[in-house]
Protein backbone atom coordinates (compact mmCIF):
# COMPACT_ATOMS: atom_id res chain seq x y z
CA MET A 1 0.00 0.00 0.00
CA LYS A 2 2.87 2.34 0.86
CA LYS A 3 4.42 1.57 -2.52
CA THR A 4 1.20 2.51 -4.31
CA ILE A 5 0.94 5.83 -2.49
CA LEU A 6 4.61 6.52 -3.12
CA PHE A 7 4.19 5.66 -6.82
CA LEU A 8 1.13 7.94 -7.19
CA SER A 9 2.96 10.75 -5.39
CA ALA A 10 5.91 10.44 -7.77
CA ILE A 11 3.62 10.58 -10.82
CA SER A 12 1.81 13.62 -9.40
CA MET A 13 5.12 15.41 -8.81
CA MET A 14 6.19 14.75 -12.40
CA ALA A 15 2.86 16.04 -13.73
CA PHE A 16 3.10 19.28 -11.73
CA THR A 17 6.73 19.92 -12.59
CA SER A 18 6.21 19.25 -16.30
CA CYS A 19 3.63 22.10 -16.42
CA LYS A 20 6.21 24.66 -15.36
CA ASP A 21 6.58 26.00 -18.92
CA ASN A 22 5.39 29.58 -19.15
CA ALA A 23 2.35 29.65 -21.44
CA SER A 24 3.02 33.24 -22.53
CA ASN A 25 6.30 32.09 -24.12
CA LYS A 26 4.32 29.81 -26.43
CA VAL A 27 2.07 32.58 -27.85
CA ASN A 28 2.83 33.44 -31.48
CA SER A 29 2.75 37.24 -31.89
CA ASP A 30 1.70 36.92 -35.57
CA ASN A 31 -1.42 35.02 -34.51
CA VAL A 32 -2.23 37.68 -31.94
CA ALA A 33 -2.00 40.42 -34.58
CA GLN A 34 -4.22 38.47 -37.00
CA ALA A 35 -6.80 37.79 -34.30
CA SER A 36 -6.83 41.45 -33.29
CA ALA A 37 -7.39 42.59 -36.90
CA ARG A 38 -10.16 40.00 -37.34
CA ASP A 39 -11.90 41.11 -34.14
CA GLU A 40 -11.66 44.78 -35.16
CA ALA A 41 -13.15 44.02 -38.60
CA GLY A 42 -15.98 42.11 -36.92
CA LYS A 43 -16.98 45.26 -35.02
CA GLN A 44 -17.58 47.18 -38.26
CA VAL A 45 -21.28 47.06 -39.14
CA PRO A 46 -23.55 49.20 -41.28
CA VAL A 47 -26.37 51.20 -39.70
CA MET A 48 -29.58 52.10 -41.58
CA GLN A 49 -30.75 55.53 -40.47
CA PHE A 50 -34.17 56.31 -42.04
CA GLU A 51 -35.51 59.84 -42.49
CA LYS A 52 -38.92 58.38 -41.57
CA VAL A 53 -40.07 54.88 -40.64
CA GLU A 54 -43.79 55.48 -41.27
CA HIS A 55 -45.68 57.08 -44.15
CA ASP A 56 -49.35 58.09 -44.05
CA PHE A 57 -51.00 58.32 -47.48
CA GLY A 58 -53.98 60.03 -45.85
CA THR A 59 -57.45 59.40 -47.30
CA ILE A 60 -57.40 57.64 -50.67
CA GLU A 61 -59.97 56.03 -52.95
CA GLN A 62 -60.05 52.24 -53.08
CA GLY A 63 -57.90 50.93 -55.92
CA ALA A 64 -55.92 54.17 -56.29
CA ALA A 65 -52.27 53.14 -56.56
CA GLN A 66 -49.90 54.97 -54.22
CA GLU A 67 -46.17 55.00 -53.76
CA THR A 68 -43.65 56.52 -51.40
CA ILE A 69 -39.90 56.52 -50.96
CA PHE A 70 -38.17 55.76 -47.68
CA LYS A 71 -34.79 57.51 -47.76
CA PHE A 72 -31.99 56.22 -45.56
CA THR A 73 -28.31 56.80 -44.86
CA ASN A 74 -25.68 54.24 -43.95
CA THR A 75 -24.29 55.84 -40.79
CA GLY A 76 -22.21 52.76 -39.94
CA ASN A 77 -18.65 51.93 -40.89
CA ALA A 78 -19.18 49.05 -43.33
CA PRO A 79 -21.05 48.67 -46.65
CA LEU A 80 -24.81 48.15 -46.23
CA ILE A 81 -26.29 45.22 -48.17
CA ILE A 82 -30.06 44.77 -48.32
CA THR A 83 -30.74 41.08 -48.86
CA ASN A 84 -34.54 41.21 -48.93
CA ALA A 85 -37.52 43.49 -48.43
CA SER A 86 -41.01 42.08 -47.95
CA SER A 87 -44.40 43.34 -46.86
CA SER A 88 -47.17 42.01 -44.67
CA CYS A 89 -49.51 41.88 -47.69
CA GLY A 90 -49.30 41.27 -51.43
CA CYS A 91 -50.92 44.67 -51.98
CA THR A 92 -47.67 46.37 -50.91
CA VAL A 93 -44.49 45.92 -52.93
CA PRO A 94 -41.13 47.20 -51.67
CA ASN A 95 -38.32 47.79 -54.16
CA PRO A 96 -34.94 48.10 -52.36
CA PRO A 97 -31.66 49.13 -53.99
CA LYS A 98 -29.65 46.22 -55.40
CA ASP A 99 -26.15 47.65 -54.91
CA PRO A 100 -24.35 48.00 -51.57
CA ILE A 101 -24.58 51.40 -49.88
CA ALA A 102 -21.17 52.63 -48.74
CA PRO A 103 -20.71 54.25 -45.31
CA GLY A 104 -21.99 57.82 -45.38
CA GLU A 105 -23.97 57.25 -48.61
CA THR A 106 -27.76 57.44 -48.96
CA GLY A 107 -30.23 55.10 -50.59
CA GLU A 108 -33.93 54.90 -51.36
CA LEU A 109 -36.45 52.14 -50.87
CA LEU A 110 -39.51 52.56 -53.11
CA VAL A 111 -42.78 51.16 -51.72
CA LYS A 112 -45.89 50.75 -53.89
CA PHE A 113 -49.37 50.21 -52.43
CA ASN A 114 -52.27 49.26 -54.71
CA GLY A 115 -54.96 50.93 -52.57
CA SER A 116 -56.81 47.77 -51.62
CA GLY A 117 -58.79 47.34 -48.44
CA GLN A 118 -61.31 49.57 -46.73
CA ASN A 119 -61.24 52.06 -43.89
CA GLN A 120 -57.99 52.30 -41.90
CA VAL A 121 -55.28 50.16 -43.50
CA SER A 122 -51.79 49.62 -42.08
CA LYS A 123 -49.01 47.55 -43.67
CA THR A 124 -45.49 46.75 -42.49
CA ILE A 125 -42.38 46.38 -44.61
CA THR A 126 -39.55 44.24 -43.28
CA VAL A 127 -36.09 45.07 -44.60
CA ASN A 128 -33.44 42.37 -44.14
CA ALA A 129 -29.90 43.73 -44.21
CA ASN A 130 -26.47 43.12 -42.74
CA THR A 131 -27.11 45.54 -39.88
CA GLU A 132 -26.53 44.57 -36.25
CA SER A 133 -30.23 43.72 -35.72
CA GLY A 134 -30.58 42.11 -39.17
CA THR A 135 -34.04 43.60 -39.80
CA GLU A 136 -35.54 47.05 -40.00
CA MET A 137 -39.29 47.72 -39.88
CA LEU A 138 -41.17 50.36 -41.89
CA ARG A 139 -44.90 51.10 -41.94
CA ILE A 140 -47.39 52.61 -44.37
CA LYS A 141 -50.97 53.50 -43.59
CA ALA A 142 -53.98 55.04 -45.28
CA PHE A 143 -57.70 55.51 -44.85
CA VAL A 144 -59.27 53.80 -47.88
CA ASN A 145 -62.69 55.02 -48.98
CA PRO A 146 -64.68 52.30 -50.76
CA LYS A 147 -65.45 52.84 -54.43
CA ASN A 148 -68.88 54.20 -55.13
CA ALA A 149 -71.17 51.31 -55.86
CA GLY A 150 -73.24 53.51 -58.13
CA PRO A 151 -76.97 54.16 -57.95
CA THR A 152 -79.14 51.37 -56.63
CA SER A 153 -82.54 50.58 -58.17
C-alpha cells in the first residue's frame, strides 16, 4: 500500500513539474495580430438611419395606386447590403436598392401600395440587411374610402 501511495505521489510530482513552462512564451505574436485585426473588422457594421419609418397616405380612394420613398443613410462603418424586403400583404411591394450602400452614402427604398382594403389600413415592410439587428421595420398607412357602388334601383 505504501508503494502505491509513493508511486502515485511520484507521478503527481512529475505532472506538476512538467507544467512549469510559461504559457506566454508559447504565444505566437503573428497570430495575436491576425486575431486582433479580425476582431476589429468584426466590429464594423452598417447602420440604416431612415428619415422616416412610417408614411401616411392620408385618405385615398379604393384601388388608387400609391407609392412613397423611404430615404436612408448608412451611418455605420461598413457597406450596407439589403438582402430582402417584404411586406405584410401582397398589396404592398417594396423595391430596395440592389447595390451595396457605402458608409456615409444614402439610398432609397420605393414602396408601392395598390390601394386595396377599406377604412384604416396599415401595412409593415420588413427590410433584411447586414445591420446589427438584421431587420428594419417600416410602416405605411392610409384611410381607404370604398369605391362608389353607383346608384341602386
